[in-house]
Structure formats: C-alpha cells, structure tokens
Amino acid sequence: MKNKLKVFRAMHDLTQEDLADKMGVTRQTINAIEKSKYNPSLELAFKLARLFGVKIEDIFIYEVEEQTQDE
C-alpha cells in the first residue's frame, strides 16, 4: 500500500523518532511504513490520521493488485 506518511510528517516538522514516540511504536516501524514495507494496523492508521487531522485515505493509498488467471 502506498502512502504519504513522510509528506505529512515533514509538513508537521516531525522526525521519524518524534512520530514514533507520539504513536507508541519504534522509529523502525515508521521507517518501514514510509517505505511501504509494512502496512500499519487499522488502529495505528487511525491514530496517524487523527494526529495529522486528515482522513486515513489522505495518508494511505490502497491499490488493488490485478491477479492473473491461469488459462
């Protein structure tokens, strides 16, 4: 899942460490989310959206992956 977490974090002048502390997670978790290597729990996604005062969909972009069918 793509996201704009790094953009929102920068807009609020927060380091990864600052954001991690506010969310109760590690800096590595924030880094992994920003690099789309980890999808946050629904609870964490809501907390992030609430912190930045936006909707979850403003931060996280869900893209449906097309599945190929065996013929």
PDB file of N, CA and C in Angstrom:
ATOM      1  N   MET A   1       0.856  -1.173   0.000  1.00  0.00           N
ATOM      2  CA  MET A   1       0.000   0.000   0.000  1.00  0.00           C
ATOM      3  C   MET A   1       0.907   1.243   0.000  1.00  0.00           C
ATOM      4  N   LYS A   2       0.659   2.139  -0.922  1.00  0.00           N
ATOM      5  CA  LYS A   2       1.427   3.378  -0.966  1.00  0.00           C
ATOM      6  C   LYS A   2       0.913   4.324   0.114  1.00  0.00           C
ATOM      7  N   ASN A   3       1.770   5.285   0.483  1.00  0.00           N
ATOM      8  CA  ASN A   3       1.341   6.239   1.498  1.00  0.00           C
ATOM      9  C   ASN A   3       2.097   7.555   1.365  1.00  0.00           C
ATOM     10  N   LYS A   4       1.555   8.560   2.027  1.00  0.00           N
ATOM     11  CA  LYS A   4       2.150   9.897   2.045  1.00  0.00           C
ATOM     12  C   LYS A   4       2.599  10.255   3.462  1.00  0.00           C
ATOM     13  N   LEU A   5       2.929   9.252   4.249  1.00  0.00           N
ATOM     14  CA  LEU A   5       3.288   9.499   5.643  1.00  0.00           C
ATOM     15  C   LEU A   5       4.485  10.433   5.763  1.00  0.00           C
ATOM     16  N   LYS A   6       5.497  10.222   4.932  1.00  0.00           N
ATOM     17  CA  LYS A   6       6.691  11.069   5.004  1.00  0.00           C
ATOM     18  C   LYS A   6       6.338  12.530   4.718  1.00  0.00           C
ATOM     19  N   VAL A   7       5.434  12.758   3.778  1.00  0.00           N
ATOM     20  CA  VAL A   7       4.997  14.118   3.436  1.00  0.00           C
ATOM     21  C   VAL A   7       4.295  14.769   4.626  1.00  0.00           C
ATOM     22  N   PHE A   8       3.345  14.048   5.229  1.00  0.00           N
ATOM     23  CA  PHE A   8       2.619  14.599   6.376  1.00  0.00           C
ATOM     24  C   PHE A   8       3.551  14.822   7.562  1.00  0.00           C
ATOM     25  N   ARG A   9       4.489  13.898   7.756  1.00  0.00           N
ATOM     26  CA  ARG A   9       5.454  14.047   8.848  1.00  0.00           C
ATOM     27  C   ARG A   9       6.295  15.302   8.641  1.00  0.00           C
ATOM     28  N   ALA A  10       6.743  15.530   7.416  1.00  0.00           N
ATOM     29  CA  ALA A  10       7.558  16.708   7.110  1.00  0.00           C
ATOM     30  C   ALA A  10       6.751  17.995   7.262  1.00  0.00           C
ATOM     31  N   MET A  11       5.485  17.956   6.850  1.00  0.00           N
ATOM     32  CA  MET A  11       4.625  19.140   6.968  1.00  0.00           C
ATOM     33  C   MET A  11       4.452  19.559   8.433  1.00  0.00           C
ATOM     34  N   HIS A  12       4.547  18.584   9.333  1.00  0.00           N
ATOM     35  CA  HIS A  12       4.382  18.876  10.760  1.00  0.00           C
ATOM     36  C   HIS A  12       5.732  18.945  11.487  1.00  0.00           C
ATOM     37  N   ASP A  13       6.806  18.978  10.685  1.00  0.00           N
ATOM     38  CA  ASP A  13       8.168  19.121  11.230  1.00  0.00           C
ATOM     39  C   ASP A  13       8.472  18.065  12.302  1.00  0.00           C
ATOM     40  N   LEU A  14       8.150  16.815  11.985  1.00  0.00           N
ATOM     41  CA  LEU A  14       8.407  15.714  12.907  1.00  0.00           C
ATOM     42  C   LEU A  14       9.471  14.785  12.327  1.00  0.00           C
ATOM     43  N   THR A  15      10.376  14.326  13.165  1.00  0.00           N
ATOM     44  CA  THR A  15      11.312  13.292  12.738  1.00  0.00           C
ATOM     45  C   THR A  15      10.608  11.943  12.850  1.00  0.00           C
ATOM     46  N   GLN A  16      11.210  10.923  12.285  1.00  0.00           N
ATOM     47  CA  GLN A  16      10.638   9.590  12.438  1.00  0.00           C
ATOM     48  C   GLN A  16      10.568   9.223  13.915  1.00  0.00           C
ATOM     49  N   GLU A  17      11.582   9.603  14.657  1.00  0.00           N
ATOM     50  CA  GLU A  17      11.621   9.314  16.099  1.00  0.00           C
ATOM     51  C   GLU A  17      10.498  10.042  16.831  1.00  0.00           C
ATOM     52  N   ASP A  18      10.283  11.315  16.499  1.00  0.00           N
ATOM     53  CA  ASP A  18       9.203  12.095  17.124  1.00  0.00           C
ATOM     54  C   ASP A  18       7.849  11.426  16.884  1.00  0.00           C
ATOM     55  N   LEU A  19       7.593  11.065  15.623  1.00  0.00           N
ATOM     56  CA  LEU A  19       6.322  10.454  15.274  1.00  0.00           C
ATOM     57  C   LEU A  19       6.162   9.103  15.951  1.00  0.00           C
ATOM     58  N   ALA A  20       7.233   8.338  15.984  1.00  0.00           N
ATOM     59  CA  ALA A  20       7.196   7.027  16.635  1.00  0.00           C
ATOM     60  C   ALA A  20       6.824   7.171  18.111  1.00  0.00           C
ATOM     61  N   ASP A  21       7.425   8.146  18.781  1.00  0.00           N
ATOM     62  CA  ASP A  21       7.126   8.382  20.197  1.00  0.00           C
ATOM     63  C   ASP A  21       5.657   8.736  20.392  1.00  0.00           C
ATOM     64  N   LYS A  22       5.126   9.596  19.523  1.00  0.00           N
ATOM     65  CA  LYS A  22       3.725  10.003  19.634  1.00  0.00           C
ATOM     66  C   LYS A  22       2.765   8.832  19.387  1.00  0.00           C
ATOM     67  N   MET A  23       3.179   7.889  18.539  1.00  0.00           N
ATOM     68  CA  MET A  23       2.320   6.764  18.161  1.00  0.00           C
ATOM     69  C   MET A  23       2.547   5.523  19.038  1.00  0.00           C
ATOM     70  N   GLY A  24       3.604   5.553  19.841  1.00  0.00           N
ATOM     71  CA  GLY A  24       3.890   4.402  20.702  1.00  0.00           C
ATOM     72  C   GLY A  24       4.474   3.221  19.940  1.00  0.00           C
ATOM     73  N   VAL A  25       5.220   3.526  18.873  1.00  0.00           N
ATOM     74  CA  VAL A  25       5.881   2.482  18.085  1.00  0.00           C
ATOM     75  C   VAL A  25       7.357   2.842  17.957  1.00  0.00           C
ATOM     76  N   THR A  26       8.123   1.996  17.290  1.00  0.00           N
ATOM     77  CA  THR A  26       9.546   2.279  17.104  1.00  0.00           C
ATOM     78  C   THR A  26       9.764   3.119  15.854  1.00  0.00           C
ATOM     79  N   ARG A  27      10.927   3.749  15.799  1.00  0.00           N
ATOM     80  CA  ARG A  27      11.298   4.512  14.607  1.00  0.00           C
ATOM     81  C   ARG A  27      11.369   3.591  13.395  1.00  0.00           C
ATOM     82  N   GLN A  28      11.809   2.345  13.619  1.00  0.00           N
ATOM     83  CA  GLN A  28      11.902   1.380  12.530  1.00  0.00           C
ATOM     84  C   GLN A  28      10.527   1.087  11.932  1.00  0.00           C
ATOM     85  N   THR A  29       9.489   1.093  12.759  1.00  0.00           N
ATOM     86  CA  THR A  29       8.125   0.872  12.266  1.00  0.00           C
ATOM     87  C   THR A  29       7.707   2.016  11.358  1.00  0.00           C
ATOM     88  N   ILE A  30       7.977   3.246  11.775  1.00  0.00           N
ATOM     89  CA  ILE A  30       7.637   4.409  10.950  1.00  0.00           C
ATOM     90  C   ILE A  30       8.407   4.353   9.636  1.00  0.00           C
ATOM     91  N   ASN A  31       9.677   4.012   9.709  1.00  0.00           N
ATOM     92  CA  ASN A  31      10.504   3.906   8.512  1.00  0.00           C
ATOM     93  C   ASN A  31       9.950   2.842   7.553  1.00  0.00           C
ATOM     94  N   ALA A  32       9.569   1.700   8.080  1.00  0.00           N
ATOM     95  CA  ALA A  32       9.038   0.620   7.251  1.00  0.00           C
ATOM     96  C   ALA A  32       7.707   1.013   6.604  1.00  0.00           C
ATOM     97  N   ILE A  33       6.866   1.732   7.336  1.00  0.00           N
ATOM     98  CA  ILE A  33       5.595   2.201   6.769  1.00  0.00           C
ATOM     99  C   ILE A  33       5.875   3.188   5.634  1.00  0.00           C
ATOM    100  N   GLU A  34       6.782   4.128   5.867  1.00  0.00           N
ATOM    101  CA  GLU A  34       7.101   5.130   4.844  1.00  0.00           C
ATOM    102  C   GLU A  34       7.647   4.492   3.576  1.00  0.00           C
ATOM    103  N   LYS A  35       8.376   3.403   3.715  1.00  0.00           N
ATOM    104  CA  LYS A  35       8.961   2.722   2.552  1.00  0.00           C
ATOM    105  C   LYS A  35       8.031   1.653   1.971  1.00  0.00           C
ATOM    106  N   SER A  36       6.793   1.619   2.468  1.00  0.00           N
ATOM    107  CA  SER A  36       5.779   0.652   2.013  1.00  0.00           C
ATOM    108  C   SER A  36       6.223  -0.795   2.187  1.00  0.00           C
ATOM    109  N   LYS A  37       7.047  -1.034   3.209  1.00  0.00           N
ATOM    110  CA  LYS A  37       7.475  -2.396   3.515  1.00  0.00           C
ATOM    111  C   LYS A  37       6.598  -3.020   4.599  1.00  0.00           C
ATOM    112  N   TYR A  38       5.767  -2.179   5.220  1.00  0.00           N
ATOM    113  CA  TYR A  38       4.907  -2.635   6.313  1.00  0.00           C
ATOM    114  C   TYR A  38       3.620  -1.824   6.267  1.00  0.00           C
ATOM    115  N   ASN A  39       2.498  -2.513   6.352  1.00  0.00           N
ATOM    116  CA  ASN A  39       1.206  -1.838   6.434  1.00  0.00           C
ATOM    117  C   ASN A  39       0.806  -1.740   7.901  1.00  0.00           C
ATOM    118  N   PRO A  40       0.453  -0.550   8.356  1.00  0.00           N
ATOM    119  CA  PRO A  40       0.112  -0.386   9.768  1.00  0.00           C
ATOM    120  C   PRO A  40      -1.214  -1.065  10.101  1.00  0.00           C
ATOM    121  N   SER A  41      -1.392  -1.329  11.380  1.00  0.00           N
ATOM    122  CA  SER A  41      -2.679  -1.835  11.835  1.00  0.00           C
ATOM    123  C   SER A  41      -3.718  -0.749  11.608  1.00  0.00           C
ATOM    124  N   LEU A  42      -4.970  -1.142  11.588  1.00  0.00           N
ATOM    125  CA  LEU A  42      -6.050  -0.169  11.416  1.00  0.00           C
ATOM    126  C   LEU A  42      -6.016   0.856  12.542  1.00  0.00           C
ATOM    127  N   GLU A  43      -5.741   0.400  13.749  1.00  0.00           N
ATOM    128  CA  GLU A  43      -5.666   1.308  14.902  1.00  0.00           C
ATOM    129  C   GLU A  43      -4.570   2.355  14.706  1.00  0.00           C
ATOM    130  N   LEU A  44      -3.399   1.924  14.259  1.00  0.00           N
ATOM    131  CA  LEU A  44      -2.294   2.863  14.042  1.00  0.00           C
ATOM    132  C   LEU A  44      -2.613   3.825  12.898  1.00  0.00           C
ATOM    133  N   ALA A  45      -3.250   3.329  11.849  1.00  0.00           N
ATOM    134  CA  ALA A  45      -3.638   4.194  10.728  1.00  0.00           C
ATOM    135  C   ALA A  45      -4.596   5.284  11.204  1.00  0.00           C
ATOM    136  N   PHE A  46      -5.568   4.915  12.042  1.00  0.00           N
ATOM    137  CA  PHE A  46      -6.498   5.905  12.590  1.00  0.00           C
ATOM    138  C   PHE A  46      -5.766   6.916  13.475  1.00  0.00           C
ATOM    139  N   LYS A  47      -4.834   6.443  14.294  1.00  0.00           N
ATOM    140  CA  LYS A  47      -4.087   7.345  15.169  1.00  0.00           C
ATOM    141  C   LYS A  47      -3.274   8.348  14.360  1.00  0.00           C
ATOM    142  N   LEU A  48      -2.659   7.870  13.279  1.00  0.00           N
ATOM    143  CA  LEU A  48      -1.877   8.763  12.421  1.00  0.00           C
ATOM    144  C   LEU A  48      -2.780   9.813  11.775  1.00  0.00           C
ATOM    145  N   ALA A  49      -3.906   9.367  11.244  1.00  0.00           N
ATOM    146  CA  ALA A  49      -4.847  10.295  10.605  1.00  0.00           C
ATOM    147  C   ALA A  49      -5.351  11.331  11.607  1.00  0.00           C
ATOM    148  N   ARG A  50      -5.665  10.886  12.801  1.00  0.00           N
ATOM    149  CA  ARG A  50      -6.157  11.799  13.840  1.00  0.00           C
ATOM    150  C   ARG A  50      -5.078  12.821  14.215  1.00  0.00           C
ATOM    151  N   LEU A  51      -3.839  12.367  14.334  1.00  0.00           N
ATOM    152  CA  LEU A  51      -2.739  13.271  14.681  1.00  0.00           C
ATOM    153  C   LEU A  51      -2.587  14.379  13.642  1.00  0.00           C
ATOM    154  N   PHE A  52      -2.683  14.007  12.367  1.00  0.00           N
ATOM    155  CA  PHE A  52      -2.498  14.980  11.295  1.00  0.00           C
ATOM    156  C   PHE A  52      -3.787  15.700  10.918  1.00  0.00           C
ATOM    157  N   GLY A  53      -4.913  15.300  11.502  1.00  0.00           N
ATOM    158  CA  GLY A  53      -6.182  15.960  11.239  1.00  0.00           C
ATOM    159  C   GLY A  53      -6.718  15.714   9.836  1.00  0.00           C
ATOM    160  N   VAL A  54      -6.464  14.507   9.320  1.00  0.00           N
ATOM    161  CA  VAL A  54      -6.922  14.156   7.965  1.00  0.00           C
ATOM    162  C   VAL A  54      -7.606  12.792   7.988  1.00  0.00           C
ATOM    163  N   LYS A  55      -8.176  12.407   6.851  1.00  0.00           N
ATOM    164  CA  LYS A  55      -8.771  11.081   6.727  1.00  0.00           C
ATOM    165  C   LYS A  55      -7.669  10.068   6.425  1.00  0.00           C
ATOM    166  N   ILE A  56      -7.907   8.826   6.797  1.00  0.00           N
ATOM    167  CA  ILE A  56      -6.936   7.762   6.523  1.00  0.00           C
ATOM    168  C   ILE A  56      -6.581   7.736   5.041  1.00  0.00           C
ATOM    169  N   GLU A  57      -7.596   7.938   4.181  1.00  0.00           N
ATOM    170  CA  GLU A  57      -7.374   7.876   2.737  1.00  0.00           C
ATOM    171  C   GLU A  57      -6.461   8.997   2.239  1.00  0.00           C
ATOM    172  N   ASP A  58      -6.292  10.055   3.029  1.00  0.00           N
ATOM    173  CA  ASP A  58      -5.374  11.128   2.650  1.00  0.00           C
ATOM    174  C   ASP A  58      -3.915  10.706   2.846  1.00  0.00           C
ATOM    175  N   ILE A  59      -3.690   9.764   3.743  1.00  0.00           N
ATOM    176  CA  ILE A  59      -2.328   9.291   4.029  1.00  0.00           C
ATOM    177  C   ILE A  59      -2.022   8.007   3.261  1.00  0.00           C
ATOM    178  N   PHE A  60      -2.975   7.076   3.281  1.00  0.00           N
ATOM    179  CA  PHE A  60      -2.743   5.755   2.698  1.00  0.00           C
ATOM    180  C   PHE A  60      -3.549   5.573   1.416  1.00  0.00           C
ATOM    181  N   ILE A  61      -2.873   5.097   0.387  1.00  0.00           N
ATOM    182  CA  ILE A  61      -3.499   4.902  -0.919  1.00  0.00           C
ATOM    183  C   ILE A  61      -3.573   3.404  -1.200  1.00  0.00           C
ATOM    184  N   TYR A  62      -4.784   2.885  -1.199  1.00  0.00           N
ATOM    185  CA  TYR A  62      -4.978   1.458  -1.451  1.00  0.00           C
ATOM    186  C   TYR A  62      -5.115   1.229  -2.946  1.00  0.00           C
ATOM    187  N   GLU A  63      -4.285   0.352  -3.469  1.00  0.00           N
ATOM    188  CA  GLU A  63      -4.343  -0.004  -4.880  1.00  0.00           C
ATOM    189  C   GLU A  63      -4.605  -1.493  -4.993  1.00  0.00           C
ATOM    190  N   VAL A  64      -5.628  -1.837  -5.724  1.00  0.00           N
ATOM    191  CA  VAL A  64      -5.966  -3.242  -5.923  1.00  0.00           C
ATOM    192  C   VAL A  64      -4.975  -3.830  -6.922  1.00  0.00           C
ATOM    193  N   GLU A  65      -4.335  -4.915  -6.511  1.00  0.00           N
ATOM    194  CA  GLU A  65      -3.415  -5.593  -7.417  1.00  0.00           C
ATOM    195  C   GLU A  65      -4.209  -6.509  -8.322  1.00  0.00           C
ATOM    196  N   GLU A  66      -3.948  -6.425  -9.601  1.00  0.00           N
ATOM    197  CA  GLU A  66      -4.656  -7.293 -10.547  1.00  0.00           C
ATOM    198  C   GLU A  66      -4.053  -8.687 -10.462  1.00  0.00           C
ATOM    199  N   GLN A  67      -4.929  -9.663 -10.367  1.00  0.00           N
ATOM    200  CA  GLN A  67      -4.496 -11.049 -10.311  1.00  0.00           C
ATOM    201  C   GLN A  67      -4.629 -11.654 -11.697  1.00  0.00           C
ATOM    202  N   THR A  68      -3.621 -12.404 -12.087  1.00  0.00           N
ATOM    203  CA  THR A  68      -3.702 -13.073 -13.364  1.00  0.00           C
ATOM    204  C   THR A  68      -4.350 -14.434 -13.182  1.00  0.00           C
ATOM    205  N   GLN A  69      -5.123 -14.821 -14.126  1.00  0.00           N
ATOM    206  CA  GLN A  69      -5.779 -16.123 -14.059  1.00  0.00           C
ATOM    207  C   GLN A  69      -5.044 -17.109 -14.933  1.00  0.00           C
ATOM    208  N   ASP A  70      -4.867 -18.310 -14.417  1.00  0.00           N
ATOM    209  CA  ASP A  70      -4.247 -19.373 -15.216  1.00  0.00           C
ATOM    210  C   ASP A  70      -5.238 -19.829 -16.263  1.00  0.00           C
ATOM    211  N   GLU A  71      -4.769 -19.943 -17.479  1.00  0.00           N
ATOM    212  CA  GLU A  71      -5.665 -20.370 -18.557  1.00  0.00           C
ATOM    213  C   GLU A  71      -5.510 -21.827 -18.843  1.00  0.00           C
TER     214      GLU A  71
END
